[in-house]
């Protein structure tokens, strides 16, 4: 599936977090939602990105924005990752990559000449109306959480 363009309805999802709690996108209607898709738990770039969102969480909370990290691997992996880095927001387990596919981020990647499928680092900002307000492709980790925070502030919700 293709990436979701700004202005389009964000695909519904239901996923469990690192604590086994179920989260549905529809439960967050009326408030901004940040979905950042990352390749894998406890790898250098993914750890830095997650810790940057963790460190900025109080600032996201001021705008009532919900922040979710989504990647493959199961809830147990998410629980270890969250505990190791004191992550208090939901890390959602998309083990069968069904949600990543809906959002168009499950793509062919290449590393050292080897081709494989995986999450491409992508972030979606969903407005309170359930539509994609902004999308960041091929995210560079440094400064990304602050950039997303700035975009949340511009929603004016």
C-alpha atoms as a PDB file:
ATOM      1  CA  UNK A   1       0.000   0.000   0.000  1.00  0.00           C
ATOM      2  CA  UNK A   2       1.046   3.562  -0.636  1.00  0.00           C
ATOM      3  CA  UNK A   3       1.956   6.115   2.000  1.00  0.00           C
ATOM      4  CA  UNK A   4      -1.039   8.102   3.257  1.00  0.00           C
ATOM      5  CA  UNK A   5      -1.149  11.660   1.924  1.00  0.00           C
ATOM      6  CA  UNK A   6      -1.956  14.717   4.033  1.00  0.00           C
ATOM      7  CA  UNK A   7      -5.693  15.395   4.170  1.00  0.00           C
ATOM      8  CA  UNK A   8      -6.624  11.702   3.864  1.00  0.00           C
ATOM      9  CA  UNK A   9      -8.268   9.726   6.655  1.00  0.00           C
ATOM     10  CA  UNK A  10      -5.742   7.834   8.764  1.00  0.00           C
ATOM     11  CA  UNK A  11      -6.303   4.061   8.645  1.00  0.00           C
ATOM     12  CA  UNK A  12      -7.881   2.612  11.778  1.00  0.00           C
ATOM     13  CA  UNK A  13      -5.805   0.266  13.903  1.00  0.00           C
ATOM     14  CA  UNK A  14      -5.935  -1.726  17.106  1.00  0.00           C
ATOM     15  CA  UNK A  15      -2.590  -2.761  18.636  1.00  0.00           C
ATOM     16  CA  UNK A  16      -1.247  -3.749  22.043  1.00  0.00           C
ATOM     17  CA  UNK A  17       1.520  -1.857  23.804  1.00  0.00           C
ATOM     18  CA  UNK A  18       4.450  -2.972  25.941  1.00  0.00           C
ATOM     19  CA  UNK A  19       2.096  -3.533  28.905  1.00  0.00           C
ATOM     20  CA  UNK A  20      -0.474  -5.567  26.960  1.00  0.00           C
ATOM     21  CA  UNK A  21      -2.941  -2.644  26.866  1.00  0.00           C
ATOM     22  CA  UNK A  22      -4.950  -2.336  23.650  1.00  0.00           C
ATOM     23  CA  UNK A  23      -4.961   1.001  21.818  1.00  0.00           C
ATOM     24  CA  UNK A  24      -7.394   1.932  19.034  1.00  0.00           C
ATOM     25  CA  UNK A  25      -6.871   5.037  16.940  1.00  0.00           C
ATOM     26  CA  UNK A  26     -10.582   5.854  17.316  1.00  0.00           C
ATOM     27  CA  UNK A  27     -10.113   6.226  21.102  1.00  0.00           C
ATOM     28  CA  UNK A  28      -7.984   9.315  20.460  1.00  0.00           C
ATOM     29  CA  UNK A  29     -10.479  11.200  18.290  1.00  0.00           C
ATOM     30  CA  UNK A  30     -10.499  14.941  18.929  1.00  0.00           C
ATOM     31  CA  UNK A  31      -6.820  15.180  19.802  1.00  0.00           C
ATOM     32  CA  UNK A  32      -3.573  15.075  17.831  1.00  0.00           C
ATOM     33  CA  UNK A  33      -1.881  11.701  17.457  1.00  0.00           C
ATOM     34  CA  UNK A  34       1.776  11.180  16.608  1.00  0.00           C
ATOM     35  CA  UNK A  35       2.567   7.777  15.070  1.00  0.00           C
ATOM     36  CA  UNK A  36       6.229   7.207  14.504  1.00  0.00           C
ATOM     37  CA  UNK A  37       7.136   3.982  12.752  1.00  0.00           C
ATOM     38  CA  UNK A  38      10.615   2.716  13.557  1.00  0.00           C
ATOM     39  CA  UNK A  39      12.476  -0.344  12.261  1.00  0.00           C
ATOM     40  CA  UNK A  40      13.371  -2.303  15.399  1.00  0.00           C
ATOM     41  CA  UNK A  41      13.487  -2.135  19.197  1.00  0.00           C
ATOM     42  CA  UNK A  42      16.776  -1.356  20.937  1.00  0.00           C
ATOM     43  CA  UNK A  43      18.864  -0.440  17.892  1.00  0.00           C
ATOM     44  CA  UNK A  44      20.920   2.783  17.945  1.00  0.00           C
ATOM     45  CA  UNK A  45      18.754   5.031  15.723  1.00  0.00           C
ATOM     46  CA  UNK A  46      15.475   3.689  17.065  1.00  0.00           C
ATOM     47  CA  UNK A  47      16.664   4.120  20.643  1.00  0.00           C
ATOM     48  CA  UNK A  48      17.716   7.736  20.039  1.00  0.00           C
ATOM     49  CA  UNK A  49      14.401   8.534  18.317  1.00  0.00           C
ATOM     50  CA  UNK A  50      12.354   6.926  21.089  1.00  0.00           C
ATOM     51  CA  UNK A  51      14.355   8.657  23.836  1.00  0.00           C
ATOM     52  CA  UNK A  52      13.904  12.022  22.084  1.00  0.00           C
ATOM     53  CA  UNK A  53      10.125  11.514  22.057  1.00  0.00           C
ATOM     54  CA  UNK A  54      10.313  10.362  25.705  1.00  0.00           C
ATOM     55  CA  UNK A  55      12.255  13.483  26.698  1.00  0.00           C
ATOM     56  CA  UNK A  56       9.740  15.742  24.920  1.00  0.00           C
ATOM     57  CA  UNK A  57       6.657  13.951  26.262  1.00  0.00           C
ATOM     58  CA  UNK A  58       5.738  16.692  28.787  1.00  0.00           C
ATOM     59  CA  UNK A  59       5.727  19.212  25.938  1.00  0.00           C
ATOM     60  CA  UNK A  60       3.516  16.931  23.786  1.00  0.00           C
ATOM     61  CA  UNK A  61       1.168  16.497  26.767  1.00  0.00           C
ATOM     62  CA  UNK A  62       0.576  20.267  26.910  1.00  0.00           C
ATOM     63  CA  UNK A  63      -1.091  20.042  23.497  1.00  0.00           C
ATOM     64  CA  UNK A  64      -2.939  16.850  24.540  1.00  0.00           C
ATOM     65  CA  UNK A  65      -1.128  14.957  21.765  1.00  0.00           C
ATOM     66  CA  UNK A  66      -0.872  11.180  22.084  1.00  0.00           C
ATOM     67  CA  UNK A  67       2.499   9.731  21.040  1.00  0.00           C
ATOM     68  CA  UNK A  68       2.924   6.144  19.812  1.00  0.00           C
ATOM     69  CA  UNK A  69       5.988   4.305  18.578  1.00  0.00           C
ATOM     70  CA  UNK A  70       5.161   1.396  16.256  1.00  0.00           C
ATOM     71  CA  UNK A  71       7.446  -1.363  15.061  1.00  0.00           C
ATOM     72  CA  UNK A  72       7.596  -5.048  14.389  1.00  0.00           C
ATOM     73  CA  UNK A  73       8.483  -7.498  17.163  1.00  0.00           C
ATOM     74  CA  UNK A  74       6.150  -8.514  19.962  1.00  0.00           C
ATOM     75  CA  UNK A  75       4.948  -6.977  23.213  1.00  0.00           C
ATOM     76  CA  UNK A  76       7.719  -8.689  25.202  1.00  0.00           C
ATOM     77  CA  UNK A  77      10.360  -6.996  23.067  1.00  0.00           C
ATOM     78  CA  UNK A  78       8.585  -3.646  23.503  1.00  0.00           C
ATOM     79  CA  UNK A  79       8.436  -4.227  27.288  1.00  0.00           C
ATOM     80  CA  UNK A  80      12.203  -4.882  27.498  1.00  0.00           C
ATOM     81  CA  UNK A  81      12.936  -1.820  25.330  1.00  0.00           C
ATOM     82  CA  UNK A  82      10.595   0.427  27.344  1.00  0.00           C
ATOM     83  CA  UNK A  83      11.995  -0.750  30.677  1.00  0.00           C
ATOM     84  CA  UNK A  84      15.622  -0.354  29.588  1.00  0.00           C
ATOM     85  CA  UNK A  85      15.071   3.284  28.512  1.00  0.00           C
ATOM     86  CA  UNK A  86      12.262   4.297  30.906  1.00  0.00           C
ATOM     87  CA  UNK A  87       9.755   4.827  28.079  1.00  0.00           C
ATOM     88  CA  UNK A  88       6.357   5.696  29.548  1.00  0.00           C
ATOM     89  CA  UNK A  89       4.327   6.228  26.368  1.00  0.00           C
ATOM     90  CA  UNK A  90       2.902   3.305  24.349  1.00  0.00           C
ATOM     91  CA  UNK A  91       5.206   1.324  22.099  1.00  0.00           C
ATOM     92  CA  UNK A  92       2.846  -0.644  19.872  1.00  0.00           C
ATOM     93  CA  UNK A  93       3.607  -4.177  18.717  1.00  0.00           C
ATOM     94  CA  UNK A  94       2.870  -4.609  15.015  1.00  0.00           C
ATOM     95  CA  UNK A  95       4.428  -8.076  14.827  1.00  0.00           C
ATOM     96  CA  UNK A  96       2.658  -9.060  11.602  1.00  0.00           C
ATOM     97  CA  UNK A  97       3.348  -5.564  10.119  1.00  0.00           C
ATOM     98  CA  UNK A  98      -0.350  -5.197   9.156  1.00  0.00           C
ATOM     99  CA  UNK A  99      -0.548  -1.591  10.397  1.00  0.00           C
ATOM    100  CA  UNK A 100       2.796  -0.706   8.781  1.00  0.00           C
ATOM    101  CA  UNK A 101       1.361  -2.012   5.507  1.00  0.00           C
ATOM    102  CA  UNK A 102      -1.833   0.085   5.891  1.00  0.00           C
ATOM    103  CA  UNK A 103       0.325   3.179   6.374  1.00  0.00           C
ATOM    104  CA  UNK A 104       2.650   2.293   3.485  1.00  0.00           C
ATOM    105  CA  UNK A 105       5.813   2.098   5.595  1.00  0.00           C
ATOM    106  CA  UNK A 106       6.462  -1.649   5.145  1.00  0.00           C
ATOM    107  CA  UNK A 107       8.862  -1.460   2.218  1.00  0.00           C
ATOM    108  CA  UNK A 108      11.803  -3.181   0.620  1.00  0.00           C
ATOM    109  CA  UNK A 109      15.049  -1.997   2.153  1.00  0.00           C
ATOM    110  CA  UNK A 110      18.669  -2.680   1.317  1.00  0.00           C
ATOM    111  CA  UNK A 111      21.638  -3.030   3.653  1.00  0.00           C
ATOM    112  CA  UNK A 112      25.106  -4.039   2.475  1.00  0.00           C
ATOM    113  CA  UNK A 113      23.595  -5.264  -0.793  1.00  0.00           C
ATOM    114  CA  UNK A 114      21.055  -7.484   0.966  1.00  0.00           C
ATOM    115  CA  UNK A 115      17.394  -6.768   0.217  1.00  0.00           C
ATOM    116  CA  UNK A 116      14.707  -7.332   2.846  1.00  0.00           C
ATOM    117  CA  UNK A 117      11.326  -5.995   3.960  1.00  0.00           C
ATOM    118  CA  UNK A 118      11.043  -3.693   6.958  1.00  0.00           C
ATOM    119  CA  UNK A 119       9.612  -0.495   8.413  1.00  0.00           C
ATOM    120  CA  UNK A 120      10.934   2.645   6.774  1.00  0.00           C
ATOM    121  CA  UNK A 121      11.373   5.337   9.427  1.00  0.00           C
ATOM    122  CA  UNK A 122       8.234   7.454   8.900  1.00  0.00           C
ATOM    123  CA  UNK A 123       6.148   9.680  11.184  1.00  0.00           C
ATOM    124  CA  UNK A 124       2.505  10.642  10.804  1.00  0.00           C
ATOM    125  CA  UNK A 125       0.771  13.493  12.598  1.00  0.00           C
ATOM    126  CA  UNK A 126      -2.965  12.848  12.705  1.00  0.00           C
ATOM    127  CA  UNK A 127      -5.252  15.739  13.543  1.00  0.00           C
ATOM    128  CA  UNK A 128      -8.193  15.565  15.907  1.00  0.00           C
ATOM    129  CA  UNK A 129     -10.426  15.027  12.853  1.00  0.00           C
ATOM    130  CA  UNK A 130      -8.729  11.687  12.142  1.00  0.00           C
ATOM    131  CA  UNK A 131      -7.019  12.946   8.988  1.00  0.00           C
ATOM    132  CA  UNK A 132      -3.303  12.987   8.292  1.00  0.00           C
ATOM    133  CA  UNK A 133      -2.103  16.535   8.972  1.00  0.00           C
ATOM    134  CA  UNK A 134       1.542  15.883   8.098  1.00  0.00           C
ATOM    135  CA  UNK A 135       3.903  13.061   7.154  1.00  0.00           C
ATOM    136  CA  UNK A 136       7.683  12.843   7.487  1.00  0.00           C
ATOM    137  CA  UNK A 137       9.416  10.345   5.177  1.00  0.00           C
ATOM    138  CA  UNK A 138      12.855   8.757   5.640  1.00  0.00           C
ATOM    139  CA  UNK A 139      13.157  10.484   8.999  1.00  0.00           C
ATOM    140  CA  UNK A 140      16.534  11.679  10.196  1.00  0.00           C
ATOM    141  CA  UNK A 141      16.497  11.122  13.956  1.00  0.00           C
ATOM    142  CA  UNK A 142      18.385  14.206  15.158  1.00  0.00           C
ATOM    143  CA  UNK A 143      15.898  16.977  15.983  1.00  0.00           C
ATOM    144  CA  UNK A 144      12.917  15.032  14.670  1.00  0.00           C
ATOM    145  CA  UNK A 145      10.878  14.965  17.906  1.00  0.00           C
ATOM    146  CA  UNK A 146      11.221  18.747  18.194  1.00  0.00           C
ATOM    147  CA  UNK A 147      10.123  19.170  14.560  1.00  0.00           C
ATOM    148  CA  UNK A 148       7.024  17.036  15.195  1.00  0.00           C
ATOM    149  CA  UNK A 149       6.315  18.978  18.401  1.00  0.00           C
ATOM    150  CA  UNK A 150       6.425  22.221  16.434  1.00  0.00           C
ATOM    151  CA  UNK A 151       3.950  20.805  13.877  1.00  0.00           C
ATOM    152  CA  UNK A 152       1.604  19.692  16.686  1.00  0.00           C
ATOM    153  CA  UNK A 153       1.676  23.243  18.028  1.00  0.00           C
ATOM    154  CA  UNK A 154       0.692  24.569  14.591  1.00  0.00           C
ATOM    155  CA  UNK A 155      -2.451  22.406  14.494  1.00  0.00           C
ATOM    156  CA  UNK A 156      -4.116  24.814  16.899  1.00  0.00           C
ATOM    157  CA  UNK A 157      -6.296  22.117  18.388  1.00  0.00           C
END
